Amino acid sequence: MEITLAKTVFKIENDNKANNKSLSEEKSSDNKIHQAFYDCLKQYASYQKEINESYSRADDPTKYRDPFIN
């Protein structure tokens, strides 16, 4: 995720330098950077949610009961 974001930012910044973008075009590229960052955060959040759900399933006391405990 971080690599994708870094590649996107690097590509947009290089495009801006190569093409001498105007201020409005630079704002547009800033929006692209923000969108790429937001997409990575959403992907990370869904990944964390999956991890948390898998841990909560593993901690379910009805699944793993010790037969010697009442």
Protein backbone atom coordinates (compact mmCIF):
# COMPACT_ATOMS: atom_id res chain seq x y z
CA MET A 1 0.00 0.00 0.00
CA GLU A 2 2.75 2.43 0.95
CA ILE A 3 4.70 1.54 -2.18
CA THR A 4 1.67 2.21 -4.38
CA LEU A 5 1.15 5.58 -2.72
CA ALA A 6 4.81 6.51 -3.05
CA LYS A 7 4.87 5.54 -6.74
CA THR A 8 1.73 7.59 -7.40
CA VAL A 9 3.09 10.68 -5.65
CA PHE A 10 6.47 10.36 -7.38
CA LYS A 11 4.86 9.99 -10.81
CA ILE A 12 2.54 12.98 -10.31
CA GLU A 13 5.39 15.19 -9.04
CA ASN A 14 7.60 14.21 -11.98
CA ASP A 15 4.76 14.90 -14.42
CA ASN A 16 4.30 18.35 -12.90
CA LYS A 17 8.01 19.17 -13.21
CA ALA A 18 8.28 17.86 -16.75
CA ASN A 19 5.22 19.70 -18.02
CA ASN A 20 5.56 22.95 -16.00
CA LYS A 21 1.99 22.67 -14.78
CA SER A 22 -0.06 25.73 -13.92
CA LEU A 23 -1.33 26.34 -10.41
CA SER A 24 -4.79 24.93 -11.14
CA GLU A 25 -3.26 21.81 -12.67
CA GLU A 26 -1.02 21.42 -9.63
CA LYS A 27 -4.09 21.58 -7.40
CA SER A 28 -5.61 18.85 -9.53
CA SER A 29 -2.51 16.71 -9.03
CA ASP A 30 -2.67 17.43 -5.28
CA ASN A 31 -6.21 16.06 -5.36
CA LYS A 32 -4.90 12.93 -7.07
CA ILE A 33 -2.29 12.54 -4.34
CA HIS A 34 -4.95 12.97 -1.66
CA GLN A 35 -7.19 10.46 -3.42
CA ALA A 36 -4.35 7.92 -3.66
CA PHE A 37 -3.61 8.41 0.04
CA TYR A 38 -7.28 8.03 0.91
CA ASP A 39 -7.53 4.84 -1.17
CA CYS A 40 -4.51 3.39 0.66
CA LEU A 41 -6.06 4.28 4.03
CA LYS A 42 -9.31 2.57 3.05
CA GLN A 43 -7.41 -0.52 1.94
CA TYR A 44 -5.43 -0.54 5.21
CA ALA A 45 -8.61 -0.12 7.27
CA SER A 46 -10.29 -3.06 5.55
CA TYR A 47 -7.14 -5.14 6.10
CA GLN A 48 -7.12 -4.23 9.80
CA LYS A 49 -10.83 -5.07 10.04
CA GLU A 50 -10.17 -8.53 8.60
CA ILE A 51 -7.36 -9.08 11.11
CA ASN A 52 -9.51 -7.95 14.03
CA GLU A 53 -12.39 -10.19 12.93
CA SER A 54 -10.09 -13.19 12.63
CA TYR A 55 -8.77 -12.56 16.15
CA SER A 56 -12.28 -12.19 17.54
CA ARG A 57 -13.26 -15.50 15.95
CA ALA A 58 -10.20 -17.15 17.45
CA ASP A 59 -11.04 -15.76 20.89
CA ASP A 60 -14.60 -17.08 20.78
CA PRO A 61 -14.97 -19.06 24.03
CA THR A 62 -17.65 -21.34 22.58
CA LYS A 63 -15.25 -22.65 19.94
CA TYR A 64 -12.32 -23.40 22.22
CA ARG A 65 -13.58 -24.76 25.51
CA ASP A 66 -11.40 -26.53 27.95
CA PRO A 67 -13.26 -29.75 28.83
CA PHE A 68 -11.87 -29.67 32.36
CA ILE A 69 -13.33 -26.26 33.20
CA ASN A 70 -17.02 -26.12 34.16
